[in-house]
Amino acid sequence: MAKKENDVEFLEYVVKALVDNIDAVKIARTVDEMGVLLTLSVGPEDMGKIIGRSGNTAKALRILLRVVGMKNNARVNLKINEPEGGTQAPRAMKSVDEAMDDLKI
């Protein structure tokens, strides 16, 4: 088995500490002219734990990965895959008239 890169080891360690289903954690690493891209997949039931409230956990993971990357002279980015059958909450759009009514002008 090939030696894991520091960024993959770090991400795997942190993510497995956060999720319940550690067997569903998959990390793919690709390198191109833009730097390193780590693609993270977790089980649907653990998605909220990785994203966090208002995306704060995901933001923190990205910041820490950038620091790990700087230490190794690489630009590291994180992409989090939406699990199969995942649903994204539709955003409620207001019409201009509804928005004006809310302003009570």
PDB file of N, CA and C in Angstrom:
ATOM      1  N   MET A   1       0.844  -1.190   0.000  1.00  0.00           N
ATOM      2  CA  MET A   1       0.000   0.000   0.000  1.00  0.00           C
ATOM      3  C   MET A   1       0.881   1.242   0.000  1.00  0.00           C
ATOM      4  N   ALA A   2       0.529   2.223  -0.824  1.00  0.00           N
ATOM      5  CA  ALA A   2       1.312   3.450  -0.922  1.00  0.00           C
ATOM      6  C   ALA A   2       1.138   4.288   0.337  1.00  0.00           C
ATOM      7  N   LYS A   3       2.158   5.063   0.631  1.00  0.00           N
ATOM      8  CA  LYS A   3       2.111   5.931   1.801  1.00  0.00           C
ATOM      9  C   LYS A   3       1.052   7.019   1.591  1.00  0.00           C
ATOM     10  N   LYS A   4       0.224   7.253   2.588  1.00  0.00           N
ATOM     11  CA  LYS A   4      -0.783   8.303   2.495  1.00  0.00           C
ATOM     12  C   LYS A   4      -0.109   9.653   2.639  1.00  0.00           C
ATOM     13  N   GLU A   5      -0.645  10.628   1.920  1.00  0.00           N
ATOM     14  CA  GLU A   5      -0.150  12.001   2.039  1.00  0.00           C
ATOM     15  C   GLU A   5      -0.607  12.589   3.374  1.00  0.00           C
ATOM     16  N   ASN A   6       0.142  13.578   3.870  1.00  0.00           N
ATOM     17  CA  ASN A   6      -0.185  14.202   5.154  1.00  0.00           C
ATOM     18  C   ASN A   6      -1.584  14.807   5.162  1.00  0.00           C
ATOM     19  N   ASP A   7      -1.962  15.458   4.045  1.00  0.00           N
ATOM     20  CA  ASP A   7      -3.273  16.106   4.013  1.00  0.00           C
ATOM     21  C   ASP A   7      -4.405  15.080   4.070  1.00  0.00           C
ATOM     22  N   VAL A   8      -4.243  13.956   3.394  1.00  0.00           N
ATOM     23  CA  VAL A   8      -5.264  12.900   3.423  1.00  0.00           C
ATOM     24  C   VAL A   8      -5.328  12.276   4.812  1.00  0.00           C
ATOM     25  N   GLU A   9      -4.183  12.005   5.401  1.00  0.00           N
ATOM     26  CA  GLU A   9      -4.145  11.432   6.759  1.00  0.00           C
ATOM     27  C   GLU A   9      -4.844  12.345   7.752  1.00  0.00           C
ATOM     28  N   PHE A  10      -4.540  13.639   7.663  1.00  0.00           N
ATOM     29  CA  PHE A  10      -5.134  14.618   8.575  1.00  0.00           C
ATOM     30  C   PHE A  10      -6.647  14.657   8.419  1.00  0.00           C
ATOM     31  N   LEU A  11      -7.115  14.785   7.170  1.00  0.00           N
ATOM     32  CA  LEU A  11      -8.554  14.870   6.925  1.00  0.00           C
ATOM     33  C   LEU A  11      -9.263  13.601   7.381  1.00  0.00           C
ATOM     34  N   GLU A  12      -8.676  12.460   7.075  1.00  0.00           N
ATOM     35  CA  GLU A  12      -9.278  11.185   7.461  1.00  0.00           C
ATOM     36  C   GLU A  12      -9.395  11.079   8.986  1.00  0.00           C
ATOM     37  N   TYR A  13      -8.362  11.477   9.699  1.00  0.00           N
ATOM     38  CA  TYR A  13      -8.356  11.418  11.160  1.00  0.00           C
ATOM     39  C   TYR A  13      -9.473  12.291  11.739  1.00  0.00           C
ATOM     40  N   VAL A  14      -9.572  13.533  11.254  1.00  0.00           N
ATOM     41  CA  VAL A  14     -10.560  14.465  11.797  1.00  0.00           C
ATOM     42  C   VAL A  14     -11.982  14.018  11.452  1.00  0.00           C
ATOM     43  N   VAL A  15     -12.195  13.656  10.196  1.00  0.00           N
ATOM     44  CA  VAL A  15     -13.542  13.276   9.767  1.00  0.00           C
ATOM     45  C   VAL A  15     -14.010  12.014  10.485  1.00  0.00           C
ATOM     46  N   LYS A  16     -13.141  11.028  10.615  1.00  0.00           N
ATOM     47  CA  LYS A  16     -13.541   9.801  11.296  1.00  0.00           C
ATOM     48  C   LYS A  16     -13.845  10.037  12.768  1.00  0.00           C
ATOM     49  N   ALA A  17     -13.258  11.084  13.358  1.00  0.00           N
ATOM     50  CA  ALA A  17     -13.568  11.426  14.743  1.00  0.00           C
ATOM     51  C   ALA A  17     -14.940  12.098  14.856  1.00  0.00           C
ATOM     52  N   LEU A  18     -15.436  12.669  13.741  1.00  0.00           N
ATOM     53  CA  LEU A  18     -16.711  13.389  13.773  1.00  0.00           C
ATOM     54  C   LEU A  18     -17.913  12.526  13.419  1.00  0.00           C
ATOM     55  N   VAL A  19     -17.725  11.547  12.544  1.00  0.00           N
ATOM     56  CA  VAL A  19     -18.865  10.793  12.014  1.00  0.00           C
ATOM     57  C   VAL A  19     -19.154   9.533  12.827  1.00  0.00           C
ATOM     58  N   ASP A  20     -20.358   8.984  12.621  1.00  0.00           N
ATOM     59  CA  ASP A  20     -20.731   7.721  13.263  1.00  0.00           C
ATOM     60  C   ASP A  20     -20.346   6.532  12.397  1.00  0.00           C
ATOM     61  N   ASN A  21     -20.529   6.663  11.074  1.00  0.00           N
ATOM     62  CA  ASN A  21     -20.251   5.579  10.143  1.00  0.00           C
ATOM     63  C   ASN A  21     -18.883   5.782   9.485  1.00  0.00           C
ATOM     64  N   ILE A  22     -17.819   5.317  10.164  1.00  0.00           N
ATOM     65  CA  ILE A  22     -16.471   5.555   9.642  1.00  0.00           C
ATOM     66  C   ILE A  22     -16.180   4.753   8.375  1.00  0.00           C
ATOM     67  N   ASP A  23     -16.932   3.671   8.150  1.00  0.00           N
ATOM     68  CA  ASP A  23     -16.719   2.867   6.949  1.00  0.00           C
ATOM     69  C   ASP A  23     -17.152   3.592   5.680  1.00  0.00           C
ATOM     70  N   ALA A  24     -18.034   4.581   5.817  1.00  0.00           N
ATOM     71  CA  ALA A  24     -18.532   5.317   4.650  1.00  0.00           C
ATOM     72  C   ALA A  24     -17.609   6.468   4.252  1.00  0.00           C
ATOM     73  N   VAL A  25     -16.585   6.746   5.052  1.00  0.00           N
ATOM     74  CA  VAL A  25     -15.674   7.859   4.757  1.00  0.00           C
ATOM     75  C   VAL A  25     -14.733   7.460   3.626  1.00  0.00           C
ATOM     76  N   LYS A  26     -14.784   8.236   2.544  1.00  0.00           N
ATOM     77  CA  LYS A  26     -13.907   8.013   1.398  1.00  0.00           C
ATOM     78  C   LYS A  26     -13.276   9.345   1.020  1.00  0.00           C
ATOM     79  N   ILE A  27     -11.967   9.317   0.777  1.00  0.00           N
ATOM     80  CA  ILE A  27     -11.253  10.535   0.387  1.00  0.00           C
ATOM     81  C   ILE A  27     -10.468  10.247  -0.882  1.00  0.00           C
ATOM     82  N   ALA A  28     -10.719  11.055  -1.897  1.00  0.00           N
ATOM     83  CA  ALA A  28      -9.972  10.949  -3.151  1.00  0.00           C
ATOM     84  C   ALA A  28      -9.064  12.166  -3.253  1.00  0.00           C
ATOM     85  N   ARG A  29      -7.829  11.946  -3.706  1.00  0.00           N
ATOM     86  CA  ARG A  29      -6.853  13.045  -3.807  1.00  0.00           C
ATOM     87  C   ARG A  29      -6.403  13.177  -5.255  1.00  0.00           C
ATOM     88  N   THR A  30      -6.564  14.385  -5.803  1.00  0.00           N
ATOM     89  CA  THR A  30      -6.085  14.655  -7.159  1.00  0.00           C
ATOM     90  C   THR A  30      -5.201  15.891  -7.130  1.00  0.00           C
ATOM     91  N   VAL A  31      -4.192  15.882  -7.988  1.00  0.00           N
ATOM     92  CA  VAL A  31      -3.260  17.002  -8.062  1.00  0.00           C
ATOM     93  C   VAL A  31      -3.267  17.529  -9.493  1.00  0.00           C
ATOM     94  N   ASP A  32      -3.388  18.849  -9.634  1.00  0.00           N
ATOM     95  CA  ASP A  32      -3.290  19.472 -10.951  1.00  0.00           C
ATOM     96  C   ASP A  32      -2.587  20.817 -10.804  1.00  0.00           C
ATOM     97  N   GLU A  33      -2.648  21.638 -11.850  1.00  0.00           N
ATOM     98  CA  GLU A  33      -1.929  22.917 -11.805  1.00  0.00           C
ATOM     99  C   GLU A  33      -2.498  23.877 -10.761  1.00  0.00           C
ATOM    100  N   MET A  34      -3.739  23.630 -10.330  1.00  0.00           N
ATOM    101  CA  MET A  34      -4.355  24.480  -9.305  1.00  0.00           C
ATOM    102  C   MET A  34      -3.947  24.064  -7.895  1.00  0.00           C
ATOM    103  N   GLY A  35      -3.378  22.898  -7.733  1.00  0.00           N
ATOM    104  CA  GLY A  35      -2.981  22.414  -6.422  1.00  0.00           C
ATOM    105  C   GLY A  35      -3.575  21.044  -6.146  1.00  0.00           C
ATOM    106  N   VAL A  36      -3.839  20.790  -4.882  1.00  0.00           N
ATOM    107  CA  VAL A  36      -4.362  19.488  -4.448  1.00  0.00           C
ATOM    108  C   VAL A  36      -5.862  19.637  -4.183  1.00  0.00           C
ATOM    109  N   LEU A  37      -6.638  18.695  -4.688  1.00  0.00           N
ATOM    110  CA  LEU A  37      -8.071  18.670  -4.411  1.00  0.00           C
ATOM    111  C   LEU A  37      -8.389  17.378  -3.669  1.00  0.00           C
ATOM    112  N   LEU A  38      -8.923  17.538  -2.458  1.00  0.00           N
ATOM    113  CA  LEU A  38      -9.379  16.383  -1.688  1.00  0.00           C
ATOM    114  C   LEU A  38     -10.898  16.339  -1.800  1.00  0.00           C
ATOM    115  N   THR A  39     -11.415  15.210  -2.257  1.00  0.00           N
ATOM    116  CA  THR A  39     -12.852  15.040  -2.400  1.00  0.00           C
ATOM    117  C   THR A  39     -13.319  14.077  -1.320  1.00  0.00           C
ATOM    118  N   LEU A  40     -14.192  14.563  -0.456  1.00  0.00           N
ATOM    119  CA  LEU A  40     -14.658  13.806   0.705  1.00  0.00           C
ATOM    120  C   LEU A  40     -16.074  13.300   0.479  1.00  0.00           C
ATOM    121  N   SER A  41     -16.276  12.029   0.752  1.00  0.00           N
ATOM    122  CA  SER A  41     -17.613  11.438   0.723  1.00  0.00           C
ATOM    123  C   SER A  41     -17.876  10.788   2.072  1.00  0.00           C
ATOM    124  N   VAL A  42     -19.057  11.059   2.628  1.00  0.00           N
ATOM    125  CA  VAL A  42     -19.472  10.433   3.886  1.00  0.00           C
ATOM    126  C   VAL A  42     -20.892   9.928   3.710  1.00  0.00           C
ATOM    127  N   GLY A  43     -21.348   9.138   4.660  1.00  0.00           N
ATOM    128  CA  GLY A  43     -22.720   8.636   4.612  1.00  0.00           C
ATOM    129  C   GLY A  43     -23.715   9.772   4.775  1.00  0.00           C
ATOM    130  N   PRO A  44     -24.920   9.614   4.209  1.00  0.00           N
ATOM    131  CA  PRO A  44     -25.932  10.669   4.278  1.00  0.00           C
ATOM    132  C   PRO A  44     -26.279  11.075   5.715  1.00  0.00           C
ATOM    133  N   GLU A  45     -26.242  10.112   6.627  1.00  0.00           N
ATOM    134  CA  GLU A  45     -26.598  10.405   8.018  1.00  0.00           C
ATOM    135  C   GLU A  45     -25.540  11.255   8.721  1.00  0.00           C
ATOM    136  N   ASP A  46     -24.328  11.295   8.181  1.00  0.00           N
ATOM    137  CA  ASP A  46     -23.233  12.057   8.800  1.00  0.00           C
ATOM    138  C   ASP A  46     -22.968  13.397   8.121  1.00  0.00           C
ATOM    139  N   MET A  47     -23.718  13.708   7.081  1.00  0.00           N
ATOM    140  CA  MET A  47     -23.460  14.925   6.309  1.00  0.00           C
ATOM    141  C   MET A  47     -23.547  16.185   7.184  1.00  0.00           C
ATOM    142  N   GLY A  48     -24.539  16.233   8.051  1.00  0.00           N
ATOM    143  CA  GLY A  48     -24.714  17.400   8.913  1.00  0.00           C
ATOM    144  C   GLY A  48     -23.546  17.615   9.866  1.00  0.00           C
ATOM    145  N   LYS A  49     -22.945  16.527  10.302  1.00  0.00           N
ATOM    146  CA  LYS A  49     -21.804  16.637  11.216  1.00  0.00           C
ATOM    147  C   LYS A  49     -20.588  17.228  10.509  1.00  0.00           C
ATOM    148  N   ILE A  50     -20.442  16.930   9.213  1.00  0.00           N
ATOM    149  CA  ILE A  50     -19.300  17.431   8.451  1.00  0.00           C
ATOM    150  C   ILE A  50     -19.518  18.880   8.027  1.00  0.00           C
ATOM    151  N   ILE A  51     -20.741  19.215   7.649  1.00  0.00           N
ATOM    152  CA  ILE A  51     -21.034  20.585   7.225  1.00  0.00           C
ATOM    153  C   ILE A  51     -21.081  21.507   8.440  1.00  0.00           C
ATOM    154  N   GLY A  52     -21.778  21.087   9.479  1.00  0.00           N
ATOM    155  CA  GLY A  52     -21.885  21.896  10.687  1.00  0.00           C
ATOM    156  C   GLY A  52     -22.926  22.990  10.542  1.00  0.00           C
ATOM    157  N   ARG A  53     -23.211  23.645  11.638  1.00  0.00           N
ATOM    158  CA  ARG A  53     -24.198  24.728  11.633  1.00  0.00           C
ATOM    159  C   ARG A  53     -23.667  25.891  10.807  1.00  0.00           C
ATOM    160  N   SER A  54     -24.435  26.324   9.847  1.00  0.00           N
ATOM    161  CA  SER A  54     -24.072  27.403   8.912  1.00  0.00           C
ATOM    162  C   SER A  54     -22.777  27.095   8.163  1.00  0.00           C
ATOM    163  N   GLY A  55     -22.425  25.826   8.065  1.00  0.00           N
ATOM    164  CA  GLY A  55     -21.221  25.454   7.321  1.00  0.00           C
ATOM    165  C   GLY A  55     -19.928  25.696   8.071  1.00  0.00           C
ATOM    166  N   ASN A  56     -20.021  25.938   9.367  1.00  0.00           N
ATOM    167  CA  ASN A  56     -18.822  26.285  10.136  1.00  0.00           C
ATOM    168  C   ASN A  56     -17.809  25.152  10.239  1.00  0.00           C
ATOM    169  N   THR A  57     -18.268  23.918  10.367  1.00  0.00           N
ATOM    170  CA  THR A  57     -17.331  22.797  10.458  1.00  0.00           C
ATOM    171  C   THR A  57     -16.584  22.626   9.139  1.00  0.00           C
ATOM    172  N   ALA A  58     -17.310  22.717   8.025  1.00  0.00           N
ATOM    173  CA  ALA A  58     -16.680  22.604   6.703  1.00  0.00           C
ATOM    174  C   ALA A  58     -15.668  23.728   6.493  1.00  0.00           C
ATOM    175  N   LYS A  59     -16.015  24.949   6.905  1.00  0.00           N
ATOM    176  CA  LYS A  59     -15.083  26.083   6.776  1.00  0.00           C
ATOM    177  C   LYS A  59     -13.818  25.830   7.587  1.00  0.00           C
ATOM    178  N   ALA A  60     -13.994  25.331   8.807  1.00  0.00           N
ATOM    179  CA  ALA A  60     -12.847  25.059   9.667  1.00  0.00           C
ATOM    180  C   ALA A  60     -11.951  23.983   9.058  1.00  0.00           C
ATOM    181  N   LEU A  61     -12.562  22.930   8.502  1.00  0.00           N
ATOM    182  CA  LEU A  61     -11.780  21.879   7.849  1.00  0.00           C
ATOM    183  C   LEU A  61     -10.969  22.453   6.690  1.00  0.00           C
ATOM    184  N   ARG A  62     -11.597  23.318   5.898  1.00  0.00           N
ATOM    185  CA  ARG A  62     -10.894  23.924   4.755  1.00  0.00           C
ATOM    186  C   ARG A  62      -9.725  24.786   5.208  1.00  0.00           C
ATOM    187  N   ILE A  63      -9.929  25.556   6.257  1.00  0.00           N
ATOM    188  CA  ILE A  63      -8.852  26.412   6.778  1.00  0.00           C
ATOM    189  C   ILE A  63      -7.691  25.558   7.274  1.00  0.00           C
ATOM    190  N   LEU A  64      -7.999  24.524   8.057  1.00  0.00           N
ATOM    191  CA  LEU A  64      -6.945  23.661   8.581  1.00  0.00           C
ATOM    192  C   LEU A  64      -6.200  22.942   7.461  1.00  0.00           C
ATOM    193  N   LEU A  65      -6.933  22.526   6.422  1.00  0.00           N
ATOM    194  CA  LEU A  65      -6.268  21.864   5.293  1.00  0.00           C
ATOM    195  C   LEU A  65      -5.345  22.830   4.550  1.00  0.00           C
ATOM    196  N   ARG A  66      -5.736  24.097   4.461  1.00  0.00           N
ATOM    197  CA  ARG A  66      -4.839  25.084   3.839  1.00  0.00           C
ATOM    198  C   ARG A  66      -3.552  25.226   4.642  1.00  0.00           C
ATOM    199  N   VAL A  67      -3.671  25.197   5.967  1.00  0.00           N
ATOM    200  CA  VAL A  67      -2.484  25.294   6.830  1.00  0.00           C
ATOM    201  C   VAL A  67      -1.592  24.071   6.634  1.00  0.00           C
ATOM    202  N   VAL A  68      -2.204  22.880   6.590  1.00  0.00           N
ATOM    203  CA  VAL A  68      -1.440  21.658   6.339  1.00  0.00           C
ATOM    204  C   VAL A  68      -0.752  21.755   4.973  1.00  0.00           C
ATOM    205  N   GLY A  69      -1.472  22.278   3.987  1.00  0.00           N
ATOM    206  CA  GLY A  69      -0.907  22.448   2.655  1.00  0.00           C
ATOM    207  C   GLY A  69       0.267  23.414   2.640  1.00  0.00           C
ATOM    208  N   MET A  70       0.135  24.530   3.357  1.00  0.00           N
ATOM    209  CA  MET A  70       1.230  25.513   3.411  1.00  0.00           C
ATOM    210  C   MET A  70       2.497  24.888   3.978  1.00  0.00           C
ATOM    211  N   LYS A  71       2.327  24.051   4.970  1.00  0.00           N
ATOM    212  CA  LYS A  71       3.469  23.383   5.582  1.00  0.00           C
ATOM    213  C   LYS A  71       4.195  22.508   4.560  1.00  0.00           C
ATOM    214  N   ASN A  72       3.428  21.976   3.591  1.00  0.00           N
ATOM    215  CA  ASN A  72       4.000  21.105   2.566  1.00  0.00           C
ATOM    216  C   ASN A  72       4.121  21.798   1.205  1.00  0.00           C
ATOM    217  N   ASN A  73       4.048  23.135   1.207  1.00  0.00           N
ATOM    218  CA  ASN A  73       4.160  23.937  -0.015  1.00  0.00           C
ATOM    219  C   ASN A  73       3.168  23.511  -1.086  1.00  0.00           C
ATOM    220  N   ALA A  74       1.922  23.317  -0.697  1.00  0.00           N
ATOM    221  CA  ALA A  74       0.879  22.934  -1.642  1.00  0.00           C
ATOM    222  C   ALA A  74      -0.403  23.684  -1.303  1.00  0.00           C
ATOM    223  N   ARG A  75      -1.186  23.966  -2.320  1.00  0.00           N
ATOM    224  CA  ARG A  75      -2.503  24.580  -2.109  1.00  0.00           C
ATOM    225  C   ARG A  75      -3.520  23.442  -2.045  1.00  0.00           C
ATOM    226  N   VAL A  76      -4.166  23.292  -0.890  1.00  0.00           N
ATOM    227  CA  VAL A  76      -5.097  22.178  -0.679  1.00  0.00           C
ATOM    228  C   VAL A  76      -6.519  22.722  -0.604  1.00  0.00           C
ATOM    229  N   ASN A  77      -7.406  22.150  -1.409  1.00  0.00           N
ATOM    230  CA  ASN A  77      -8.822  22.510  -1.397  1.00  0.00           C
ATOM    231  C   ASN A  77      -9.641  21.276  -1.050  1.00  0.00           C
ATOM    232  N   LEU A  78     -10.816  21.511  -0.473  1.00  0.00           N
ATOM    233  CA  LEU A  78     -11.693  20.417  -0.064  1.00  0.00           C
ATOM    234  C   LEU A  78     -13.032  20.535  -0.768  1.00  0.00           C
ATOM    235  N   LYS A  79     -13.461  19.431  -1.379  1.00  0.00           N
ATOM    236  CA  LYS A  79     -14.790  19.334  -1.977  1.00  0.00           C
ATOM    237  C   LYS A  79     -15.523  18.253  -1.201  1.00  0.00           C
ATOM    238  N   ILE A  80     -16.743  18.566  -0.788  1.00  0.00           N
ATOM    239  CA  ILE A  80     -17.549  17.595  -0.051  1.00  0.00           C
ATOM    240  C   ILE A  80     -18.659  17.124  -0.977  1.00  0.00           C
ATOM    241  N   ASN A  81     -18.646  15.840  -1.305  1.00  0.00           N
ATOM    242  CA  ASN A  81     -19.668  15.268  -2.189  1.00  0.00           C
ATOM    243  C   ASN A  81     -20.985  15.114  -1.452  1.00  0.00           C
ATOM    244  N   GLU A  82     -22.063  15.447  -2.155  1.00  0.00           N
ATOM    245  CA  GLU A  82     -23.389  15.196  -1.601  1.00  0.00           C
ATOM    246  C   GLU A  82     -23.671  13.712  -1.757  1.00  0.00           C
ATOM    247  N   PRO A  83     -24.107  13.030  -0.709  1.00  0.00           N
ATOM    248  CA  PRO A  83     -24.334  11.587  -0.801  1.00  0.00           C
ATOM    249  C   PRO A  83     -25.484  11.251  -1.743  1.00  0.00           C
ATOM    250  N   GLU A  84     -25.476  10.009  -2.239  1.00  0.00           N
ATOM    251  CA  GLU A  84     -26.553   9.536  -3.108  1.00  0.00           C
ATOM    252  C   GLU A  84     -27.887   9.703  -2.400  1.00  0.00           C
ATOM    253  N   GLY A  85     -28.852  10.229  -3.115  1.00  0.00           N
ATOM    254  CA  GLY A  85     -30.181  10.407  -2.535  1.00  0.00           C
ATOM    255  C   GLY A  85     -30.259  11.581  -1.586  1.00  0.00           C
ATOM    256  N   GLY A  86     -29.193  12.365  -1.514  1.00  0.00           N
ATOM    257  CA  GLY A  86     -29.201  13.533  -0.647  1.00  0.00           C
ATOM    258  C   GLY A  86     -30.137  14.589  -1.184  1.00  0.00           C
ATOM    259  N   THR A  87     -30.689  15.358  -0.298  1.00  0.00           N
ATOM    260  CA  THR A  87     -31.590  16.413  -0.742  1.00  0.00           C
ATOM    261  C   THR A  87     -31.063  17.743  -0.272  1.00  0.00           C
ATOM    262  N   GLN A  88     -31.148  18.689  -1.153  1.00  0.00           N
ATOM    263  CA  GLN A  88     -30.771  20.039  -0.793  1.00  0.00           C
ATOM    264  C   GLN A  88     -32.066  20.803  -0.600  1.00  0.00           C
ATOM    265  N   ALA A  89     -32.192  21.464   0.513  1.00  0.00           N
ATOM    266  CA  ALA A  89     -33.423  22.179   0.805  1.00  0.00           C
ATOM    267  C   ALA A  89     -33.625  23.280  -0.230  1.00  0.00           C
ATOM    268  N   PRO A  90     -34.798  23.305  -0.861  1.00  0.00           N
ATOM    269  CA  PRO A  90     -35.035  24.370  -1.832  1.00  0.00           C
ATOM    270  C   PRO A  90     -35.176  25.694  -1.112  1.00  0.00           C
ATOM    271  N   ARG A  91     -34.615  26.724  -1.712  1.00  0.00           N
ATOM    272  CA  ARG A  91     -34.706  28.044  -1.103  1.00  0.00           C
ATOM    273  C   ARG A  91     -36.016  28.688  -1.503  1.00  0.00           C
ATOM    274  N   ALA A  92     -36.685  29.247  -0.533  1.00  0.00           N
ATOM    275  CA  ALA A  92     -37.946  29.917  -0.817  1.00  0.00           C
ATOM    276  C   ALA A  92     -37.635  31.281  -1.413  1.00  0.00           C
ATOM    277  N   MET A  93     -38.122  31.504  -2.606  1.00  0.00           N
ATOM    278  CA  MET A  93     -37.902  32.781  -3.275  1.00  0.00           C
ATOM    279  C   MET A  93     -39.159  33.621  -3.146  1.00  0.00           C
ATOM    280  N   LYS A  94     -38.971  34.875  -2.784  1.00  0.00           N
ATOM    281  CA  LYS A  94     -40.103  35.781  -2.691  1.00  0.00           C
ATOM    282  C   LYS A  94     -40.182  36.587  -3.976  1.00  0.00           C
ATOM    283  N   SER A  95     -41.394  36.948  -4.314  1.00  0.00           N
ATOM    284  CA  SER A  95     -41.546  37.842  -5.456  1.00  0.00           C
ATOM    285  C   SER A  95     -41.167  39.249  -5.016  1.00  0.00           C
ATOM    286  N   VAL A  96     -40.974  40.116  -5.972  1.00  0.00           N
ATOM    287  CA  VAL A  96     -40.638  41.512  -5.663  1.00  0.00           C
ATOM    288  C   VAL A  96     -41.750  42.138  -4.833  1.00  0.00           C
ATOM    289  N   ASP A  97     -43.012  41.828  -5.188  1.00  0.00           N
ATOM    290  CA  ASP A  97     -44.144  42.389  -4.451  1.00  0.00           C
ATOM    291  C   ASP A  97     -44.143  41.936  -2.993  1.00  0.00           C
ATOM    292  N   GLU A  98     -43.853  40.647  -2.762  1.00  0.00           N
ATOM    293  CA  GLU A  98     -43.805  40.134  -1.389  1.00  0.00           C
ATOM    294  C   GLU A  98     -42.676  40.789  -0.605  1.00  0.00           C
ATOM    295  N   ALA A  99     -41.543  40.973  -1.242  1.00  0.00           N
ATOM    296  CA  ALA A  99     -40.403  41.619  -0.582  1.00  0.00           C
ATOM    297  C   ALA A  99     -40.740  43.066  -0.242  1.00  0.00           C
ATOM    298  N   MET A 100     -41.457  43.778  -1.124  1.00  0.00           N
ATOM    299  CA  MET A 100     -41.849  45.166  -0.863  1.00  0.00           C
ATOM    300  C   MET A 100     -42.850  45.229   0.289  1.00  0.00           C
ATOM    301  N   ASP A 101     -43.781  44.248   0.321  1.00  0.00           N
ATOM    302  CA  ASP A 101     -44.743  44.204   1.426  1.00  0.00           C
ATOM    303  C   ASP A 101     -44.038  44.015   2.763  1.00  0.00           C
ATOM    304  N   ASP A 102     -42.978  43.197   2.776  1.00  0.00           N
ATOM    305  CA  ASP A 102     -42.221  42.978   4.001  1.00  0.00           C
ATOM    306  C   ASP A 102     -41.557  44.262   4.480  1.00  0.00           C
ATOM    307  N   LEU A 103     -41.180  45.117   3.552  1.00  0.00           N
ATOM    308  CA  LEU A 103     -40.518  46.379   3.921  1.00  0.00           C
ATOM    309  C   LEU A 103     -41.502  47.404   4.456  1.00  0.00           C
ATOM    310  N   LYS A 104     -42.787  47.227   4.151  1.00  0.00           N
ATOM    311  CA  LYS A 104     -43.856  48.125   4.611  1.00  0.00           C
ATOM    312  C   LYS A 104     -43.569  49.584   4.253  1.00  0.00           C
ATOM    313  N   ILE A 105     -43.228  49.776   2.997  1.00  0.00           N
ATOM    314  CA  ILE A 105     -42.940  51.149   2.516  1.00  0.00           C
ATOM    315  C   ILE A 105     -44.184  51.769   1.972  1.00  0.00           C
TER     316      ILE A 105
END
